[in-house]
N, C-alpha and C. Protein backbone atom coordinates (compact mmCIF):
# COMPACT_ATOMS: atom_id res chain seq x y z
N MET A 1 1.56 8.45 -22.34
CA MET A 1 2.18 9.41 -21.76
C MET A 1 2.31 10.33 -22.59
N SER A 2 2.10 11.66 -22.65
CA SER A 2 2.25 12.91 -23.45
C SER A 2 3.95 12.76 -23.61
N THR A 3 4.43 13.62 -24.72
CA THR A 3 5.90 14.09 -24.63
C THR A 3 6.03 14.73 -23.63
N THR A 4 5.36 15.78 -23.22
CA THR A 4 5.44 16.81 -22.18
C THR A 4 5.66 16.35 -20.79
N ASP A 5 5.27 15.05 -20.63
CA ASP A 5 5.38 14.35 -19.26
C ASP A 5 6.78 13.37 -19.18
N CYS A 6 7.18 13.23 -20.48
CA CYS A 6 8.47 12.48 -20.47
C CYS A 6 9.79 13.24 -20.21
N ALA A 7 10.45 12.65 -19.25
CA ALA A 7 12.01 13.08 -19.03
C ALA A 7 12.76 13.48 -20.39
N THR A 8 13.52 14.37 -20.14
CA THR A 8 14.28 14.89 -21.19
C THR A 8 15.76 14.01 -21.02
N LYS A 9 15.97 13.62 -19.69
CA LYS A 9 17.30 13.36 -19.34
C LYS A 9 17.12 11.46 -20.05
N ARG A 10 18.36 10.62 -20.23
CA ARG A 10 18.21 9.53 -20.45
C ARG A 10 19.12 8.82 -19.51
N ILE A 11 18.71 7.43 -19.55
CA ILE A 11 19.08 6.84 -18.28
C ILE A 11 19.90 5.66 -18.69
N PRO A 12 21.50 5.69 -18.71
CA PRO A 12 22.27 4.56 -19.30
C PRO A 12 22.06 3.12 -18.79
N VAL A 13 21.42 2.58 -19.69
CA VAL A 13 21.61 0.65 -19.30
C VAL A 13 22.49 0.24 -20.03
N CYS A 14 23.00 -1.19 -19.59
CA CYS A 14 23.33 -2.04 -20.38
C CYS A 14 22.65 -2.63 -21.42
N SER A 15 23.03 -3.22 -22.39
CA SER A 15 22.04 -3.89 -23.37
C SER A 15 21.56 -5.33 -22.77
N SER A 16 22.18 -5.89 -21.68
CA SER A 16 21.67 -7.07 -21.05
C SER A 16 20.33 -6.58 -20.17
N THR A 17 20.48 -5.47 -19.59
CA THR A 17 19.43 -4.75 -18.66
C THR A 17 18.32 -4.62 -19.55
N ARG A 18 18.35 -3.74 -20.62
CA ARG A 18 17.25 -3.26 -21.45
C ARG A 18 16.95 -4.58 -22.42
N GLU A 19 17.31 -5.62 -22.24
CA GLU A 19 16.79 -6.87 -22.93
C GLU A 19 15.94 -7.59 -21.60
N ALA A 20 16.22 -7.29 -20.77
CA ALA A 20 15.53 -8.00 -19.38
C ALA A 20 14.34 -7.24 -19.24
N ILE A 21 14.52 -6.11 -19.25
CA ILE A 21 13.27 -5.08 -19.44
C ILE A 21 12.16 -5.27 -20.49
N SER A 22 12.73 -5.52 -21.52
CA SER A 22 12.00 -6.02 -22.91
C SER A 22 11.25 -7.05 -22.67
N GLU A 23 12.09 -8.30 -22.17
CA GLU A 23 11.05 -9.30 -21.93
C GLU A 23 10.18 -9.41 -20.68
N LEU A 24 10.36 -8.36 -20.14
CA LEU A 24 8.69 -8.29 -19.33
C LEU A 24 7.59 -7.55 -19.43
N ARG A 25 7.96 -6.85 -20.76
CA ARG A 25 6.97 -6.08 -21.33
C ARG A 25 5.77 -7.04 -21.96
N LYS A 26 4.72 -6.38 -21.63
CA LYS A 26 3.53 -7.00 -22.38
C LYS A 26 3.21 -6.59 -23.57
N PRO A 27 2.59 -7.15 -24.78
CA PRO A 27 2.21 -6.61 -25.69
C PRO A 27 1.57 -5.05 -25.56
N GLY A 28 2.09 -4.14 -26.30
CA GLY A 28 1.55 -2.77 -26.27
C GLY A 28 1.85 -1.85 -25.19
N GLN A 29 2.60 -2.63 -24.01
CA GLN A 29 3.38 -2.16 -22.92
C GLN A 29 4.38 -1.31 -23.29
N THR A 30 4.69 0.21 -22.71
CA THR A 30 5.93 1.04 -22.73
C THR A 30 6.71 0.42 -21.68
N PHE A 31 7.95 0.82 -21.96
CA PHE A 31 9.43 0.62 -20.87
C PHE A 31 8.79 1.58 -19.89
N ASP A 32 8.34 3.04 -19.85
CA ASP A 32 8.05 3.27 -18.72
C ASP A 32 7.03 2.73 -17.88
N ARG A 33 6.18 1.96 -18.50
CA ARG A 33 5.05 1.38 -17.68
C ARG A 33 5.62 0.00 -16.88
N VAL A 34 6.55 -0.36 -17.61
CA VAL A 34 7.23 -1.80 -16.92
C VAL A 34 7.93 -1.38 -15.97
N ILE A 35 8.59 -0.06 -16.00
CA ILE A 35 9.67 0.55 -14.97
C ILE A 35 8.58 0.89 -13.96
N LYS A 36 7.56 1.62 -14.01
CA LYS A 36 6.58 2.13 -12.93
C LYS A 36 6.08 0.89 -12.07
N GLU A 37 5.89 -0.15 -12.79
CA GLU A 37 5.57 -1.62 -12.06
C GLU A 37 6.44 -1.87 -11.29
N MET A 38 7.73 -2.04 -11.55
CA MET A 38 8.89 -2.59 -11.17
C MET A 38 9.04 -1.87 -9.92
N VAL A 39 8.96 -0.36 -9.93
CA VAL A 39 9.27 0.71 -8.63
C VAL A 39 8.01 -0.03 -7.82
N ALA A 40 6.85 0.01 -8.49
CA ALA A 40 5.69 -0.24 -7.31
C ALA A 40 6.12 -1.85 -6.64
N GLN A 41 6.09 -2.69 -7.29
CA GLN A 41 6.48 -3.88 -6.65
C GLN A 41 7.64 -4.06 -5.77
N GLU A 42 8.90 -2.84 -5.93
CA GLU A 42 9.87 -3.10 -4.92
C GLU A 42 9.50 -2.23 -3.73
N LYS A 43 8.58 -1.15 -3.95
CA LYS A 43 8.07 -0.43 -2.89
C LYS A 43 7.36 -1.63 -2.01
N ARG A 44 6.43 -2.18 -2.44
CA ARG A 44 5.63 -3.51 -1.52
C ARG A 44 6.50 -4.18 -0.95
N ARG A 45 7.62 -4.60 -1.74
CA ARG A 45 8.93 -5.56 -1.11
C ARG A 45 9.15 -4.83 0.14
N HIS A 46 9.53 -3.45 0.12
CA HIS A 46 9.90 -2.91 1.40
C HIS A 46 8.83 -2.81 2.53
N LEU A 47 7.97 -2.61 2.03
CA LEU A 47 6.74 -2.78 3.13
C LEU A 47 6.38 -4.00 3.69
N PHE A 48 6.54 -5.10 2.82
CA PHE A 48 6.71 -6.34 3.53
C PHE A 48 7.73 -6.63 4.31
N GLU A 49 8.88 -6.14 4.19
CA GLU A 49 10.19 -6.65 4.83
C GLU A 49 9.93 -5.57 6.25
N ASP A 50 9.26 -4.45 6.39
CA ASP A 50 9.05 -3.82 7.42
C ASP A 50 8.26 -4.34 8.15
N ALA A 51 7.26 -4.99 7.68
CA ALA A 51 5.92 -5.37 8.25
C ALA A 51 6.54 -6.79 9.31
N GLY A 52 7.34 -7.64 8.82
CA GLY A 52 8.13 -8.63 9.22
C GLY A 52 8.98 -8.57 10.15
N ARG A 53 9.70 -7.21 10.67
CA ARG A 53 10.64 -6.87 11.66
C ARG A 53 9.90 -7.12 12.85
N PRO A 54 10.86 -7.46 13.72
CA PRO A 54 10.43 -7.76 15.40
C PRO A 54 10.02 -6.38 15.88
N PHE A 55 8.83 -6.59 16.74
CA PHE A 55 8.16 -5.49 17.47
C PHE A 55 8.66 -5.47 19.16
N CYS A 56 9.58 -4.47 19.45
CA CYS A 56 10.22 -4.25 20.83
C CYS A 56 11.18 -5.22 21.26
N GLY A 57 11.67 -5.52 20.26
CA GLY A 57 12.57 -6.67 20.37
C GLY A 57 12.24 -8.10 20.30
N VAL A 58 11.20 -8.35 20.45
CA VAL A 58 10.63 -9.69 20.91
C VAL A 58 9.79 -10.04 19.39
N GLN A 59 10.22 -11.17 18.73
CA GLN A 59 9.66 -11.88 17.58
C GLN A 59 8.17 -12.18 17.92
N THR A 60 7.18 -11.34 16.78
CA THR A 60 5.83 -11.65 16.96
C THR A 60 5.28 -12.65 15.88
N VAL A 61 3.89 -12.95 16.08
CA VAL A 61 3.48 -13.67 15.14
C VAL A 61 3.02 -12.25 13.90
N THR A 62 3.37 -12.62 12.74
CA THR A 62 2.78 -11.53 11.55
C THR A 62 1.63 -12.20 10.52
N PHE A 63 0.96 -11.06 10.10
CA PHE A 63 0.40 -11.66 8.94
C PHE A 63 0.55 -10.98 7.84
N PRO A 64 0.56 -11.53 6.48
CA PRO A 64 0.84 -10.96 5.61
C PRO A 64 -0.35 -9.97 4.95
N VAL A 65 0.67 -8.61 4.60
CA VAL A 65 -0.26 -7.73 4.58
C VAL A 65 -0.35 -7.30 3.04
N LEU A 66 -1.48 -7.16 2.17
CA LEU A 66 -1.46 -7.26 0.92
C LEU A 66 -2.28 -5.81 0.71
N ILE A 67 -1.87 -5.12 -0.58
CA ILE A 67 -2.53 -4.07 -0.70
C ILE A 67 -2.86 -3.76 -2.13
N GLU A 68 -4.41 -3.40 -2.41
CA GLU A 68 -4.55 -3.28 -3.70
C GLU A 68 -4.22 -1.87 -4.52
N ASP A 69 -4.06 -2.38 -5.60
CA ASP A 69 -3.33 -1.10 -6.40
C ASP A 69 -3.99 0.33 -6.07
N GLU A 70 -5.21 0.40 -6.10
CA GLU A 70 -5.77 1.47 -5.97
C GLU A 70 -5.29 2.26 -4.79
N ALA A 71 -5.28 1.17 -3.49
CA ALA A 71 -4.78 1.85 -2.12
C ALA A 71 -3.51 2.23 -2.46
N PHE A 72 -2.76 1.35 -3.09
CA PHE A 72 -1.04 1.49 -2.84
C PHE A 72 -0.73 2.76 -3.79
N GLU A 73 -1.63 3.10 -4.60
CA GLU A 73 -0.99 4.47 -5.53
C GLU A 73 -1.50 5.76 -4.65
N PHE A 74 -2.00 5.56 -3.70
CA PHE A 74 -2.71 6.77 -2.95
C PHE A 74 -1.60 7.09 -1.98
N PRO A 75 -0.60 6.80 -1.24
CA PRO A 75 0.28 7.47 -0.53
C PRO A 75 1.46 8.11 -1.64
N GLY A 76 1.57 7.73 -2.77
CA GLY A 76 2.64 8.23 -3.67
C GLY A 76 2.16 9.83 -3.61
N ASN A 77 0.92 10.34 -3.73
CA ASN A 77 0.69 11.82 -4.08
C ASN A 77 0.64 12.39 -2.59
N LEU A 78 1.24 12.15 -1.52
CA LEU A 78 1.50 12.67 -0.18
C LEU A 78 2.82 12.99 0.10
N PRO A 79 2.84 14.30 0.60
CA PRO A 79 4.43 14.53 1.34
C PRO A 79 5.27 13.31 1.67
N GLU A 80 6.34 13.64 1.55
CA GLU A 80 7.27 12.40 2.13
C GLU A 80 6.97 12.17 3.31
N LYS A 81 6.92 12.99 4.42
CA LYS A 81 6.58 12.55 5.84
C LYS A 81 5.37 12.00 5.97
N SER A 82 4.42 12.40 5.13
CA SER A 82 2.97 11.76 5.33
C SER A 82 2.99 10.10 4.87
N GLN A 83 3.78 10.27 3.59
CA GLN A 83 4.17 8.66 2.94
C GLN A 83 4.57 7.80 3.91
N ARG A 84 5.65 8.32 4.94
CA ARG A 84 6.46 7.13 6.14
C ARG A 84 5.31 7.13 6.96
N ILE A 85 4.44 7.87 7.39
CA ILE A 85 3.60 7.63 8.42
C ILE A 85 2.55 6.57 7.92
N VAL A 86 2.32 7.02 6.56
CA VAL A 86 1.00 5.80 6.30
C VAL A 86 1.76 4.71 6.28
N HIS A 87 2.76 4.64 5.65
CA HIS A 87 3.60 3.21 5.16
C HIS A 87 3.84 2.36 6.51
N ASP A 88 4.49 3.29 7.57
CA ASP A 88 4.40 2.85 8.99
C ASP A 88 3.33 2.15 9.84
N ARG A 89 2.32 2.86 9.51
CA ARG A 89 0.84 2.39 10.30
C ARG A 89 0.54 1.15 9.44
N ILE A 90 0.74 0.86 7.86
CA ILE A 90 0.24 -0.18 7.16
C ILE A 90 1.09 -1.35 7.66
N ALA A 91 2.33 -0.87 7.76
CA ALA A 91 3.16 -2.33 8.20
C ALA A 91 2.83 -2.76 9.37
N ARG A 92 2.47 -1.87 10.75
CA ARG A 92 2.27 -2.24 11.86
C ARG A 92 0.96 -3.43 11.72
N LEU A 93 -0.01 -2.95 11.01
CA LEU A 93 -1.05 -4.08 10.74
C LEU A 93 -0.74 -5.65 11.05
N ALA A 94 0.66 -5.90 10.06
CA ALA A 94 1.16 -7.03 10.02
C ALA A 94 1.21 -7.94 11.49
N GLU A 95 1.22 -6.97 12.54
CA GLU A 95 1.39 -7.40 14.03
C GLU A 95 0.40 -7.30 14.70
N ASP A 96 -0.71 -6.56 14.31
CA ASP A 96 -1.68 -6.09 15.30
C ASP A 96 -2.81 -6.08 14.50
N PRO A 97 -3.58 -6.59 13.86
CA PRO A 97 -4.70 -5.96 13.09
C PRO A 97 -6.05 -5.76 13.55
N PHE A 98 -6.05 -6.30 14.72
CA PHE A 98 -7.28 -6.51 15.39
C PHE A 98 -7.54 -5.23 16.34
N PRO A 99 -8.81 -4.48 16.51
CA PRO A 99 -9.04 -3.69 17.33
C PRO A 99 -8.53 -3.92 18.77
N GLY A 100 -8.45 -3.07 19.29
CA GLY A 100 -8.04 -3.22 20.62
C GLY A 100 -8.17 -2.06 21.59
N LYS A 101 -7.58 -1.56 22.66
CA LYS A 101 -7.47 -0.61 23.58
C LYS A 101 -7.45 1.02 23.10
N ALA A 102 -6.10 0.68 22.19
CA ALA A 102 -5.72 1.72 21.30
C ALA A 102 -6.68 2.66 20.96
N GLY A 103 -7.80 2.21 20.30
CA GLY A 103 -8.65 3.12 19.71
C GLY A 103 -8.68 3.38 18.13
N ASP A 104 -7.45 2.81 17.63
CA ASP A 104 -7.06 3.61 16.20
C ASP A 104 -7.56 2.68 15.33
N LYS A 105 -8.24 1.16 15.67
CA LYS A 105 -8.84 0.13 14.54
C LYS A 105 -10.34 0.03 15.09
N GLU A 106 -11.34 0.24 14.21
CA GLU A 106 -12.38 -0.43 14.12
C GLU A 106 -12.96 -1.57 13.65
N ARG A 107 -14.07 -2.27 13.72
CA ARG A 107 -14.49 -3.47 12.85
C ARG A 107 -15.72 -2.96 12.62
N PHE A 108 -16.28 -3.23 11.15
CA PHE A 108 -17.56 -3.27 11.10
C PHE A 108 -18.01 -4.22 10.05
N THR A 109 -19.13 -4.65 10.15
CA THR A 109 -19.85 -5.89 9.52
C THR A 109 -20.75 -5.28 8.60
N CYS A 110 -20.58 -6.37 7.38
CA CYS A 110 -21.69 -6.12 6.29
C CYS A 110 -22.21 -7.36 5.94
N ALA A 111 -23.49 -6.98 5.36
CA ALA A 111 -24.10 -8.40 5.31
C ALA A 111 -23.53 -9.13 4.01
N GLY A 112 -23.29 -10.39 4.23
CA GLY A 112 -22.84 -11.24 3.05
C GLY A 112 -21.42 -11.07 3.08
N LYS A 113 -20.75 -10.29 3.71
CA LYS A 113 -19.21 -10.27 3.23
C LYS A 113 -18.46 -10.42 4.78
N ASP A 114 -17.07 -10.58 4.33
CA ASP A 114 -16.32 -10.66 5.63
C ASP A 114 -16.46 -9.39 6.28
N PRO A 115 -16.02 -9.23 7.67
CA PRO A 115 -15.89 -8.06 8.49
C PRO A 115 -14.80 -6.93 7.74
N ALA A 116 -15.11 -5.69 7.80
CA ALA A 116 -13.97 -4.73 7.37
C ALA A 116 -13.44 -4.19 8.73
N TYR A 117 -12.41 -3.69 8.48
CA TYR A 117 -11.65 -2.72 9.57
C TYR A 117 -11.42 -1.36 9.00
N ARG A 118 -11.37 -0.54 9.90
CA ARG A 118 -11.15 0.81 9.75
C ARG A 118 -9.56 1.23 10.64
N LEU A 119 -8.58 1.44 9.97
CA LEU A 119 -7.30 1.97 10.87
C LEU A 119 -7.54 3.45 10.65
N HIS A 120 -7.45 4.33 11.98
CA HIS A 120 -6.95 5.35 11.83
C HIS A 120 -5.48 5.76 11.74
N ILE A 121 -4.77 6.20 10.50
CA ILE A 121 -3.46 6.33 10.39
C ILE A 121 -2.84 7.47 10.96
N SER A 122 -3.76 8.41 10.99
CA SER A 122 -3.41 9.76 11.51
C SER A 122 -4.66 10.93 11.48
N PRO A 123 -4.57 12.04 11.93
CA PRO A 123 -5.88 13.09 11.97
C PRO A 123 -6.35 13.35 10.37
N SER A 124 -5.53 13.02 9.62
CA SER A 124 -5.92 13.32 8.37
C SER A 124 -6.21 12.04 7.25
N TYR A 125 -5.66 10.64 7.87
CA TYR A 125 -5.64 9.86 6.59
C TYR A 125 -6.55 8.42 7.27
N THR A 126 -6.97 7.73 6.64
CA THR A 126 -7.51 6.36 7.26
C THR A 126 -7.59 5.31 6.24
N ALA A 127 -7.41 4.24 6.63
CA ALA A 127 -7.19 2.72 5.99
C ALA A 127 -8.58 2.16 6.08
N PHE A 128 -8.92 1.06 5.12
CA PHE A 128 -9.99 0.33 5.29
C PHE A 128 -9.31 -1.19 4.78
N TYR A 129 -9.69 -2.51 5.52
CA TYR A 129 -9.17 -3.50 5.04
C TYR A 129 -9.86 -5.09 5.57
N ARG A 130 -9.85 -6.12 5.38
CA ARG A 130 -10.29 -7.02 5.47
C ARG A 130 -9.17 -7.94 6.13
N ILE A 131 -9.38 -8.89 6.87
CA ILE A 131 -8.62 -10.20 7.21
C ILE A 131 -9.27 -11.35 6.89
N ILE A 132 -8.69 -12.06 5.82
CA ILE A 132 -9.15 -13.32 5.36
C ILE A 132 -8.23 -14.25 5.38
N ASN A 133 -8.27 -15.60 5.99
CA ASN A 133 -7.44 -16.48 5.97
C ASN A 133 -6.17 -16.11 6.47
N GLU A 134 -6.08 -15.33 7.31
CA GLU A 134 -4.83 -14.99 8.16
C GLU A 134 -4.09 -14.00 6.97
N ARG A 135 -4.84 -13.05 6.27
CA ARG A 135 -4.02 -12.28 5.81
C ARG A 135 -4.86 -11.07 5.59
N ILE A 136 -3.86 -9.94 5.40
CA ILE A 136 -4.68 -8.40 5.62
C ILE A 136 -4.85 -8.07 4.10
N TYR A 137 -5.71 -7.74 3.96
CA TYR A 137 -6.28 -7.03 2.62
C TYR A 137 -6.47 -5.50 2.82
N VAL A 138 -5.50 -4.55 2.41
CA VAL A 138 -5.96 -3.15 2.38
C VAL A 138 -6.39 -2.74 1.18
N PHE A 139 -7.87 -2.43 1.01
CA PHE A 139 -8.60 -2.54 -0.26
C PHE A 139 -8.67 -0.73 -0.19
N ASN A 140 -8.57 0.37 0.85
CA ASN A 140 -8.67 1.50 0.43
C ASN A 140 -7.83 2.46 1.31
N LEU A 141 -7.40 3.52 0.83
CA LEU A 141 -6.49 4.55 1.68
C LEU A 141 -7.16 5.70 1.41
N MET A 142 -7.34 6.67 2.30
CA MET A 142 -7.89 8.03 1.55
C MET A 142 -7.93 8.93 2.77
N THR A 143 -8.12 10.39 2.61
CA THR A 143 -8.34 11.17 3.58
C THR A 143 -9.83 10.78 4.65
N ILE A 144 -9.69 11.48 5.71
CA ILE A 144 -10.73 11.32 6.46
C ILE A 144 -12.22 11.63 5.79
N GLU A 145 -11.77 12.72 5.14
CA GLU A 145 -12.86 13.51 4.51
C GLU A 145 -13.57 12.96 3.56
N GLN A 146 -12.72 12.00 2.90
CA GLN A 146 -13.06 11.10 1.46
C GLN A 146 -13.99 10.07 2.16
N ALA A 147 -13.49 9.24 3.40
CA ALA A 147 -13.61 8.38 4.06
C ALA A 147 -15.25 8.65 4.49
N HIS A 148 -15.77 9.70 5.25
CA HIS A 148 -16.66 10.13 5.58
C HIS A 148 -17.71 10.24 4.47
N LYS A 149 -17.48 10.66 3.34
CA LYS A 149 -18.15 11.20 2.47
C LYS A 149 -18.68 9.59 1.54
N LYS A 150 -17.52 8.71 1.45
CA LYS A 150 -17.78 7.44 0.98
C LYS A 150 -18.83 6.57 1.53
N TYR A 151 -18.40 6.52 2.86
CA TYR A 151 -18.99 5.55 3.71
C TYR A 151 -19.87 5.97 4.84
N GLY A 152 -20.13 7.21 4.82
CA GLY A 152 -20.99 7.88 5.55
C GLY A 152 -21.00 7.80 6.91
N LEU A 153 -19.67 7.96 7.08
CA LEU A 153 -19.15 8.03 8.65
C LEU A 153 -19.29 9.01 9.42
N LEU A 154 -20.22 10.04 8.69
CA LEU A 154 -20.58 11.40 9.71
C LEU A 154 -21.48 11.03 10.56
């Protein structure tokens, strides 16, 4: 990280907290990187908690939702409202990951691979995921335009 990217404000922490963060560091890893990873992990935890909530007051069967790093970083660049929409729609996959009458999910088959699914999050965004061993793996989040270019869906 360049010095122009660094914040000029300092965050006061007690020595035990600094030591705990230091213990999490890998060789050559900065405190900034450790804290970014902790924030990302906490965001994932919140997403998983949201995915486990009851739907319409009835407890439903839920699937764990795992998000690959590249897909997880995508919503961070969006406006706050879009981030909430993306996170909410991904969380809802835990309750109903399969295509149905709503038309917001589609299944694709690829030779030699597990079937892939596409989730229409909004008119602007889409997610791609697989269901393997009763787990949902979100491997790509992107704009509709990017999806059309990458996967030739026009």
